[in-house]
Amino acid sequence: MPPSADDLPGRVPPKRGRRGEGSKRGRGKQPGAPGTSMAWAEPDEVIGHWPAGACGCGADLADAADLGVARSFQQLEIPLMTARRVQHDLHQARCRCGEVQVAARPESVPDAAVSIGANLRALAVYLLVFQHVPAERCAQLIADVTGARVSVGFVHSCLAKAASVIADVVRLIKTLITAAVVAGFDETTLRCGRAGSKKYVLAAVTERYSLFFLGRRTLESFRDFGILPVFGGVVVSDRYANYFHPGWEHIAGNQACLAHLIRDYQDAAECYPGAIWPVQAQRALRGLIRAWHAARDAGQLQIPSLVTGPLIREFRHAVLAGLCDVPRVPGPRSSTAQHPGRDLLEFCSGRQADVTRFCYDTRVWPTNNISERGVRPVKTQQKISGRLTSEEATQDRLDIRSYLDTARKHGCNVLDVLRSVMTGAPWSPAVPAPS
């Protein structure tokens, strides 16, 4: 079940079989997956070791002749982190004219007698936002690892500080996503605010940028997010009606997430065990996804029609067979509950172009997995910390997460960009040249 469906009424997680059942993959690292190895490299430090004590003949080995290195062993190690107290003295000097000048305070040093440096603040934000460590445990971890005693209030203050510094960068990320050719949109629930209330995290994601917004699952919140009303690209999403609203008059089109459709057809297969059309539809959709990957890897602008033709025909035949097999219940569309799978079949029949748009432009993704990966840390945070009480602090978290996800997609180290934030000179993505 995708993260966005966790709190849907009536939805229950599928039954889990015994470990290893139903999976054709072996355990451990999969073929083709990236990995790391302990490779020999140029050392940062070399420590020599010489024979000590006495030889078997009784002679002292301190006087033995050195014959060079017999064997070498490399060990990857980190230095112990210990917080240092650095004092900045601003000296004054008298000019020959008699005027006294005082040295300028460094920009990274606050105007306070005692403060905490940028590296420690960056570490606090990294643990709190990127690694989902609760505030109290974050303060304890910093004390255990560095020896620096900080308060929980300090940890929270780092959130607001970082969010204020990156505000302009987050606005730039929003602009760049709005100008993208294709973007994925998703939403997931989050327990935030007063007890008993529920919010939604809305996500807009591309291959280079990420943006998250705290709101509700309503058209009003979608408008407040501020991307869909002016977005001119292709919207990749699940079948939620708000993504297909006619009010988004500037979009180039929609692409329904095939991963969601495949899951929906799996639900239909479980509801109608003897039916062939759910399996047929899944087979065709998986074939189209594989064809898209092959075409994109080959640098093709679209999937060859010789490949898509048979697969699209198979999918359409499956939909037609399903429509014949699952009759419509008469009544108003907005209030009449249909048989399982009927709404799915009507969607695929009435929006065929929105199911297969990726076949004719390989820039468009067939699935919205990139957006689901983007919102998944929100669920991880909720499972660890429970309810987040402050909506303002939660939006700060989401802004920082938007910034860090974007930086990672540009190949930046997360701690490095957080240090740049805490020194007041945040990293920012380059604005691409107009094409």
Protein backbone atom coordinates (compact mmCIF):
# COMPACT_ATOMS: atom_id res chain seq x y z
CA MET A 1 0.00 0.00 0.00
CA PRO A 2 1.48 3.40 -0.97
CA PRO A 3 2.11 5.96 1.82
CA SER A 4 -0.64 8.21 0.46
CA ALA A 5 -3.25 5.48 1.11
CA ASP A 6 -2.35 4.82 4.73
CA ASP A 7 -5.30 6.71 6.19
CA LEU A 8 -7.94 6.21 3.49
CA PRO A 9 -11.25 5.07 5.01
CA GLY A 10 -11.82 1.37 4.65
CA ARG A 11 -8.33 0.60 3.38
CA VAL A 12 -6.47 -2.13 5.19
CA PRO A 13 -2.95 -3.34 4.45
CA PRO A 14 -2.77 -6.56 2.42
CA LYS A 15 -2.16 -9.79 4.25
CA ARG A 16 1.51 -10.55 4.57
CA GLY A 17 2.69 -14.01 3.67
CA ARG A 18 5.65 -15.75 5.16
CA ARG A 19 9.00 -14.11 4.52
CA GLY A 20 10.28 -14.92 1.05
CA GLU A 21 6.94 -16.13 -0.34
CA GLY A 22 5.88 -14.72 -3.69
CA SER A 23 9.19 -13.01 -4.43
CA LYS A 24 11.45 -14.16 -7.23
CA ARG A 25 14.33 -12.03 -6.04
CA GLY A 26 17.10 -13.50 -3.99
CA ARG A 27 18.12 -11.99 -0.70
CA GLY A 28 20.83 -9.38 -0.41
CA LYS A 29 22.20 -7.06 -3.07
CA GLN A 30 20.41 -7.34 -6.41
CA PRO A 31 22.21 -7.63 -9.77
CA GLY A 32 22.95 -4.18 -11.18
CA ALA A 33 22.39 -2.37 -7.89
CA PRO A 34 25.16 0.10 -6.97
CA GLY A 35 27.46 -0.94 -4.18
CA THR A 36 30.67 -0.05 -2.39
CA SER A 37 33.83 -1.99 -1.72
CA MET A 38 36.81 -1.69 0.60
CA ALA A 39 39.31 -0.62 -2.06
CA TRP A 40 42.99 0.13 -1.42
CA ALA A 41 43.65 3.88 -1.67
CA GLU A 42 46.21 6.58 -0.90
CA PRO A 43 46.41 6.83 2.92
CA ASP A 44 45.86 10.06 4.85
CA GLU A 45 48.24 8.88 7.58
CA VAL A 46 50.90 6.19 7.77
CA ILE A 47 51.87 4.67 11.12
CA GLY A 48 55.02 2.54 11.17
CA HIS A 49 55.41 -0.48 13.42
CA TRP A 50 58.79 -2.11 14.12
CA PRO A 51 59.67 -5.40 15.84
CA ALA A 52 60.10 -4.95 19.59
CA GLY A 53 61.53 -7.00 22.39
CA ALA A 54 64.23 -9.61 22.11
CA CYS A 55 65.11 -11.94 19.25
CA GLY A 56 65.25 -15.66 19.72
CA CYS A 57 69.02 -15.31 19.98
CA GLY A 58 68.61 -12.92 22.90
CA ALA A 59 69.63 -9.74 21.03
CA ASP A 60 67.59 -6.55 21.50
CA LEU A 61 65.54 -5.91 18.30
CA ALA A 62 65.93 -2.14 18.81
CA ASP A 63 69.40 -2.54 17.31
CA ALA A 64 68.22 -4.68 14.34
CA ALA A 65 68.70 -3.43 10.76
CA ASP A 66 65.55 -2.01 9.11
CA LEU A 67 64.74 -3.98 5.94
CA GLY A 68 61.67 -1.92 4.96
CA VAL A 69 57.93 -2.66 5.00
CA ALA A 70 57.00 -6.36 4.99
CA ARG A 71 53.19 -5.99 4.97
CA SER A 72 50.69 -3.14 5.03
CA PHE A 73 47.12 -2.94 6.36
CA GLN A 74 44.69 -0.08 5.73
CA GLN A 75 41.88 0.79 8.13
CA LEU A 76 39.08 3.31 7.52
CA GLU A 77 38.58 5.37 10.69
CA ILE A 78 37.02 8.65 11.74
CA PRO A 79 38.57 11.10 14.17
CA LEU A 80 36.89 11.54 17.53
CA MET A 81 34.52 14.53 17.43
CA THR A 82 35.12 16.88 20.32
CA ALA A 83 33.50 20.30 20.56
CA ARG A 84 36.05 23.10 20.91
CA ARG A 85 35.42 26.46 22.50
CA VAL A 86 36.74 29.11 20.10
CA GLN A 87 37.14 32.67 21.33
CA HIS A 88 37.11 35.49 18.79
CA ASP A 89 39.02 38.55 20.06
CA LEU A 90 38.30 41.75 18.17
CA HIS A 91 41.44 43.85 18.46
CA GLN A 92 41.50 47.60 18.26
CA ALA A 93 44.19 49.78 16.82
CA ARG A 94 44.94 53.51 16.87
CA CYS A 95 45.68 55.14 13.54
CA ARG A 96 48.38 57.79 13.21
CA CYS A 97 45.53 60.29 12.91
CA GLY A 98 44.44 59.29 16.41
CA GLU A 99 41.21 57.49 15.44
CA VAL A 100 40.67 54.07 17.04
CA GLN A 101 39.49 51.22 14.77
CA VAL A 102 38.04 47.87 15.98
CA ALA A 103 38.23 44.67 13.92
CA ALA A 104 34.97 43.53 12.32
CA ARG A 105 33.14 40.58 13.83
CA PRO A 106 33.10 37.54 11.47
CA GLU A 107 29.74 37.03 9.76
CA SER A 108 29.49 33.48 11.07
CA VAL A 109 29.75 34.69 14.69
CA PRO A 110 26.49 36.01 16.22
CA ASP A 111 26.46 39.27 18.18
CA ALA A 112 26.36 37.47 21.53
CA ALA A 113 28.95 36.90 24.21
CA VAL A 114 28.56 33.11 23.93
CA SER A 115 27.03 31.27 20.97
CA ILE A 116 27.10 27.94 19.18
CA GLY A 117 28.98 27.58 15.92
CA ALA A 118 27.74 26.75 12.42
CA ASN A 119 29.01 23.15 12.40
CA LEU A 120 27.10 22.24 15.56
CA ARG A 121 23.94 23.94 14.32
CA ALA A 122 24.23 22.12 10.98
CA LEU A 123 24.58 18.82 12.82
CA ALA A 124 21.44 19.51 14.86
CA VAL A 125 19.36 20.22 11.74
CA TYR A 126 20.84 17.20 9.96
CA LEU A 127 19.83 14.88 12.79
CA LEU A 128 16.42 16.45 13.32
CA VAL A 129 15.25 16.75 9.70
CA PHE A 130 17.29 14.38 7.60
CA GLN A 131 17.73 11.50 10.06
CA HIS A 132 14.37 12.00 11.90
CA VAL A 133 15.95 12.00 15.37
CA PRO A 134 13.53 13.48 17.96
CA ALA A 135 14.67 16.74 19.56
CA GLU A 136 15.52 15.33 23.00
CA ARG A 137 17.45 12.41 21.56
CA CYS A 138 19.14 14.84 19.17
CA ALA A 139 20.46 16.90 22.09
CA GLN A 140 21.59 13.72 23.85
CA LEU A 141 23.32 12.39 20.72
CA ILE A 142 25.20 15.66 20.25
CA ALA A 143 26.35 15.52 23.87
CA ASP A 144 27.48 11.88 23.59
CA VAL A 145 29.31 12.30 20.30
CA THR A 146 30.83 15.78 20.65
CA GLY A 147 30.77 16.54 24.37
CA ALA A 148 28.76 19.72 23.75
CA ARG A 149 25.78 20.17 26.07
CA VAL A 150 22.91 21.81 24.20
CA SER A 151 19.27 22.26 25.14
CA VAL A 152 16.18 20.99 23.33
CA GLY A 153 15.24 24.62 22.80
CA PHE A 154 18.51 25.16 20.95
CA VAL A 155 17.73 22.23 18.65
CA HIS A 156 14.32 23.71 17.82
CA SER A 157 15.81 27.16 17.26
CA CYS A 158 18.10 25.71 14.59
CA LEU A 159 15.02 24.75 12.55
CA ALA A 160 13.67 28.29 12.44
CA LYS A 161 17.14 29.71 11.72
CA ALA A 162 17.76 27.35 8.80
CA ALA A 163 14.27 27.88 7.36
CA SER A 164 14.66 31.66 7.39
CA VAL A 165 18.04 31.52 5.65
CA ILE A 166 16.86 29.25 2.82
CA ALA A 167 13.54 31.03 2.21
CA ASP A 168 14.72 32.58 -1.06
CA VAL A 169 16.18 29.27 -2.25
CA VAL A 170 12.88 27.48 -1.56
CA ARG A 171 11.06 30.12 -3.61
CA LEU A 172 13.55 29.52 -6.44
CA ILE A 173 12.95 25.76 -6.24
CA LYS A 174 9.21 26.41 -6.50
CA THR A 175 9.75 28.54 -9.60
CA LEU A 176 11.98 25.91 -11.24
CA ILE A 177 9.41 23.16 -10.63
CA THR A 178 6.66 25.37 -12.03
CA ALA A 179 8.72 25.82 -15.20
CA ALA A 180 9.46 22.09 -15.59
CA VAL A 181 8.30 20.00 -18.54
CA VAL A 182 7.05 17.25 -16.24
CA ALA A 183 6.52 17.01 -12.48
CA GLY A 184 5.15 14.42 -10.10
CA PHE A 185 2.52 15.35 -7.52
CA ASP A 186 1.54 13.37 -4.45
CA GLU A 187 0.13 13.83 -0.96
CA THR A 188 0.28 11.91 2.28
CA THR A 189 -1.24 12.26 5.72
CA LEU A 190 0.60 13.71 8.71
CA ARG A 191 -0.56 14.02 12.31
CA CYS A 192 0.12 17.66 13.00
CA GLY A 193 -1.40 20.39 15.17
CA ARG A 194 -3.94 19.88 17.92
CA ALA A 195 -4.86 16.35 19.02
CA GLY A 196 -7.34 14.65 16.72
CA SER A 197 -6.52 16.81 13.70
CA LYS A 198 -4.89 15.59 10.54
CA LYS A 199 -2.96 17.44 7.86
CA TYR A 200 -1.61 16.49 4.47
CA VAL A 201 1.86 17.01 3.05
CA LEU A 202 1.59 17.96 -0.61
CA ALA A 203 4.61 17.23 -2.81
CA ALA A 204 5.76 18.50 -6.19
CA VAL A 205 8.84 16.67 -7.44
CA THR A 206 11.04 16.55 -10.52
CA GLU A 207 14.27 14.70 -11.21
CA ARG A 208 16.21 17.78 -10.03
CA TYR A 209 13.96 19.53 -7.48
CA SER A 210 11.60 18.75 -4.60
CA LEU A 211 9.05 20.90 -2.79
CA PHE A 212 6.77 20.03 0.14
CA PHE A 213 3.84 21.95 1.59
CA LEU A 214 1.68 21.43 4.69
CA GLY A 215 -2.01 21.74 3.94
CA ARG A 216 -5.12 19.70 3.34
CA ARG A 217 -6.36 17.38 0.60
CA THR A 218 -8.58 20.06 -0.89
CA LEU A 219 -8.58 22.23 -3.99
CA GLU A 220 -8.01 25.25 -1.76
CA SER A 221 -4.78 23.76 -0.40
CA PHE A 222 -3.69 22.71 -3.89
CA ARG A 223 -4.12 26.34 -4.94
CA ASP A 224 -2.30 27.60 -1.84
CA PHE A 225 0.62 25.32 -2.73
CA GLY A 226 0.86 27.58 -5.77
CA ILE A 227 2.22 25.26 -8.47
CA LEU A 228 -0.71 23.65 -10.29
CA PRO A 229 -2.56 26.94 -10.99
CA VAL A 230 0.35 28.12 -13.16
CA PHE A 231 2.04 24.83 -14.09
CA GLY A 232 2.48 24.33 -17.84
CA GLY A 233 3.97 20.83 -17.94
CA VAL A 234 2.66 17.28 -17.65
CA VAL A 235 1.23 16.29 -14.25
CA VAL A 236 2.19 12.76 -13.15
CA SER A 237 -0.02 11.58 -10.27
CA ASP A 238 -2.41 8.96 -9.00
CA ARG A 239 -6.10 9.02 -9.92
CA TYR A 240 -7.14 11.52 -7.23
CA ALA A 241 -9.69 13.86 -8.83
CA ASN A 242 -8.01 17.12 -7.76
CA TYR A 243 -5.07 16.44 -10.09
CA PHE A 244 -7.49 16.22 -13.04
CA HIS A 245 -9.48 19.33 -12.11
CA PRO A 246 -10.39 21.56 -15.09
CA GLY A 247 -9.18 24.59 -13.11
CA TRP A 248 -5.59 23.70 -13.98
CA GLU A 249 -6.00 25.30 -17.37
CA HIS A 250 -2.30 25.72 -18.17
CA ILE A 251 -1.13 22.11 -17.82
CA ALA A 252 0.04 20.25 -20.93
CA GLY A 253 -1.73 17.07 -19.82
CA ASN A 254 -1.93 14.37 -17.18
CA GLN A 255 -0.14 11.06 -16.81
CA ALA A 256 -1.73 8.55 -14.44
CA CYS A 257 0.81 6.63 -12.40
CA LEU A 258 0.99 3.10 -13.80
CA ALA A 259 2.31 1.72 -10.52
CA HIS A 260 -0.96 2.81 -8.87
CA LEU A 261 -3.00 1.35 -11.74
CA ILE A 262 -1.18 -1.98 -11.48
CA ARG A 263 -1.96 -2.09 -7.74
CA ASP A 264 -5.59 -1.22 -8.46
CA TYR A 265 -5.84 -4.02 -11.02
CA GLN A 266 -4.33 -6.36 -8.44
CA ASP A 267 -7.18 -5.40 -6.10
CA ALA A 268 -9.60 -6.19 -8.92
CA ALA A 269 -7.94 -9.57 -9.50
CA GLU A 270 -8.50 -10.42 -5.83
CA CYS A 271 -12.15 -9.33 -6.04
CA TYR A 272 -12.76 -11.35 -9.24
CA PRO A 273 -10.50 -14.43 -8.94
CA GLY A 274 -11.73 -16.04 -12.16
CA ALA A 275 -11.40 -12.94 -14.35
CA ILE A 276 -8.64 -12.69 -16.94
CA TRP A 277 -8.85 -8.96 -17.68
CA PRO A 278 -7.08 -7.74 -14.49
CA VAL A 279 -4.05 -9.91 -15.20
CA GLN A 280 -4.12 -8.92 -18.87
CA ALA A 281 -4.17 -5.22 -17.99
CA GLN A 282 -1.29 -5.61 -15.52
CA ARG A 283 0.77 -7.51 -18.09
CA ALA A 284 0.27 -4.79 -20.71
CA LEU A 285 1.10 -1.95 -18.31
CA ARG A 286 4.28 -3.67 -17.09
CA GLY A 287 5.30 -4.23 -20.70
CA LEU A 288 4.83 -0.53 -21.46
CA ILE A 289 6.94 0.45 -18.45
CA ARG A 290 9.77 -1.84 -19.60
CA ALA A 291 9.49 -0.42 -23.12
CA TRP A 292 9.74 3.13 -21.76
CA HIS A 293 12.93 2.31 -19.85
CA ALA A 294 14.46 0.71 -22.95
CA ALA A 295 13.55 3.68 -25.15
CA ARG A 296 14.82 6.24 -22.65
CA ASP A 297 18.08 4.35 -22.12
CA ALA A 298 18.52 4.31 -25.90
CA GLY A 299 17.98 8.09 -26.10
CA GLN A 300 14.74 7.78 -28.08
CA LEU A 301 12.17 10.59 -27.92
CA GLN A 302 9.27 8.13 -27.82
CA ILE A 303 8.64 4.40 -27.63
CA PRO A 304 8.55 2.85 -31.12
CA SER A 305 4.99 2.24 -32.31
CA LEU A 306 5.85 -1.36 -33.18
CA VAL A 307 6.40 -1.90 -29.46
CA THR A 308 3.53 0.16 -28.06
CA GLY A 309 0.88 -0.92 -30.56
CA PRO A 310 0.34 -4.51 -29.38
CA LEU A 311 0.65 -3.57 -25.70
CA ILE A 312 -1.85 -0.71 -25.92
CA ARG A 313 -4.31 -2.94 -27.82
CA GLU A 314 -3.96 -5.61 -25.16
CA PHE A 315 -4.63 -3.05 -22.44
CA ARG A 316 -7.69 -1.60 -24.20
CA HIS A 317 -9.13 -5.08 -24.75
CA ALA A 318 -8.65 -5.80 -21.05
CA VAL A 319 -10.52 -2.60 -20.13
CA LEU A 320 -13.38 -3.40 -22.51
CA ALA A 321 -13.63 -6.92 -21.12
CA GLY A 322 -13.70 -5.54 -17.59
CA LEU A 323 -16.45 -3.03 -18.43
CA CYS A 324 -18.56 -5.89 -19.77
CA ASP A 325 -17.78 -8.04 -16.74
CA VAL A 326 -18.44 -5.36 -14.09
CA PRO A 327 -21.76 -3.59 -14.77
CA ARG A 328 -22.38 -0.04 -13.70
CA VAL A 329 -24.75 0.58 -10.81
CA PRO A 330 -27.34 3.16 -11.97
CA GLY A 331 -27.42 6.48 -10.19
CA PRO A 332 -25.57 9.79 -9.84
CA ARG A 333 -21.80 9.46 -10.26
CA SER A 334 -20.99 11.54 -7.20
CA SER A 335 -23.08 9.52 -4.75
CA THR A 336 -23.52 6.01 -6.18
CA ALA A 337 -21.11 3.37 -4.94
CA GLN A 338 -19.92 1.16 -7.78
CA HIS A 339 -18.78 -2.45 -7.87
CA PRO A 340 -15.05 -2.89 -7.11
CA GLY A 341 -12.97 -1.99 -10.14
CA ARG A 342 -15.72 -0.20 -12.06
CA ASP A 343 -14.40 3.32 -11.37
CA LEU A 344 -10.90 2.15 -12.35
CA LEU A 345 -12.15 0.72 -15.66
CA GLU A 346 -14.16 3.85 -16.47
CA PHE A 347 -11.09 5.99 -15.73
CA CYS A 348 -8.89 3.91 -18.06
CA SER A 349 -11.58 3.92 -20.75
CA GLY A 350 -12.40 7.63 -20.56
CA ARG A 351 -8.82 8.85 -20.08
CA GLN A 352 -6.82 6.61 -22.40
CA ALA A 353 -4.51 9.47 -23.37
CA ASP A 354 -3.74 10.13 -19.69
CA VAL A 355 -2.73 6.49 -19.24
CA THR A 356 -0.41 6.21 -22.25
CA ARG A 357 0.95 9.77 -22.65
CA PHE A 358 4.47 8.63 -21.68
CA CYS A 359 4.57 6.36 -24.75
CA TYR A 360 4.87 9.38 -27.04
CA ASP A 361 7.31 11.46 -24.98
CA THR A 362 9.99 9.69 -22.96
CA ARG A 363 10.50 12.82 -20.86
CA VAL A 364 7.21 11.89 -19.16
CA TRP A 365 7.52 9.14 -16.53
CA PRO A 366 5.12 6.18 -16.56
CA THR A 367 5.05 6.03 -12.76
CA ASN A 368 5.06 8.53 -9.93
CA ASN A 369 7.57 6.58 -7.83
CA ILE A 370 9.83 9.64 -7.61
CA SER A 371 7.13 11.54 -5.70
CA GLU A 372 6.30 8.61 -3.43
CA ARG A 373 9.98 8.35 -2.51
CA GLY A 374 9.91 12.07 -1.76
CA VAL A 375 7.03 11.87 0.75
CA ARG A 376 8.07 8.58 2.36
CA PRO A 377 10.39 10.29 4.91
CA VAL A 378 7.31 12.11 6.23
CA LYS A 379 5.84 8.77 7.29
CA THR A 380 9.16 7.73 8.80
CA GLN A 381 9.24 10.96 10.83
CA GLN A 382 5.69 10.38 12.05
CA LYS A 383 6.38 6.80 13.13
CA ILE A 384 9.41 7.93 15.14
CA SER A 385 8.16 11.19 16.66
CA GLY A 386 4.37 10.80 16.59
CA ARG A 387 2.32 13.98 16.37
CA LEU A 388 4.09 17.23 15.49
CA THR A 389 2.44 19.93 17.58
CA SER A 390 3.45 23.09 15.72
CA GLU A 391 2.25 23.65 12.15
CA GLU A 392 4.77 26.48 11.69
CA ALA A 393 7.70 24.32 12.82
CA THR A 394 6.43 21.48 10.61
CA GLN A 395 6.44 23.74 7.56
CA ASP A 396 10.01 24.75 8.50
CA ARG A 397 10.91 21.05 8.48
CA LEU A 398 9.31 20.62 5.07
CA ASP A 399 11.12 23.67 3.64
CA ILE A 400 14.44 22.28 4.87
CA ARG A 401 13.55 18.87 3.47
CA SER A 402 12.77 20.50 0.10
CA TYR A 403 16.16 22.19 0.18
CA LEU A 404 18.08 19.05 1.17
CA ASP A 405 16.33 16.79 -1.35
CA THR A 406 17.09 19.27 -4.11
CA ALA A 407 20.73 19.54 -3.02
CA ARG A 408 21.11 15.75 -2.99
CA LYS A 409 19.67 15.53 -6.51
CA HIS A 410 22.44 17.93 -7.55
CA GLY A 411 25.10 15.68 -6.02
CA CYS A 412 25.75 17.82 -2.93
CA ASN A 413 26.67 16.50 0.50
CA VAL A 414 23.84 17.19 2.95
CA LEU A 415 26.06 18.31 5.84
CA ASP A 416 28.08 20.57 3.55
CA VAL A 417 24.99 22.45 2.35
CA LEU A 418 23.68 22.71 5.92
CA ARG A 419 26.99 24.29 6.96
CA SER A 420 26.58 26.79 4.15
CA VAL A 421 23.10 27.59 5.50
CA MET A 422 24.36 28.15 9.03
CA THR A 423 27.12 30.47 7.82
CA GLY A 424 24.53 32.61 6.04
CA ALA A 425 25.62 31.70 2.49
CA PRO A 426 23.27 28.87 1.47
CA TRP A 427 23.89 26.69 -1.55
CA SER A 428 21.44 27.37 -4.37
CA PRO A 429 20.69 25.42 -7.57
CA ALA A 430 21.82 27.04 -10.77
CA VAL A 431 19.07 28.45 -12.98
CA PRO A 432 19.14 26.49 -16.28
CA ALA A 433 19.60 28.43 -19.48
CA PRO A 434 16.42 28.92 -21.56
CA SER A 435 16.02 26.21 -24.18
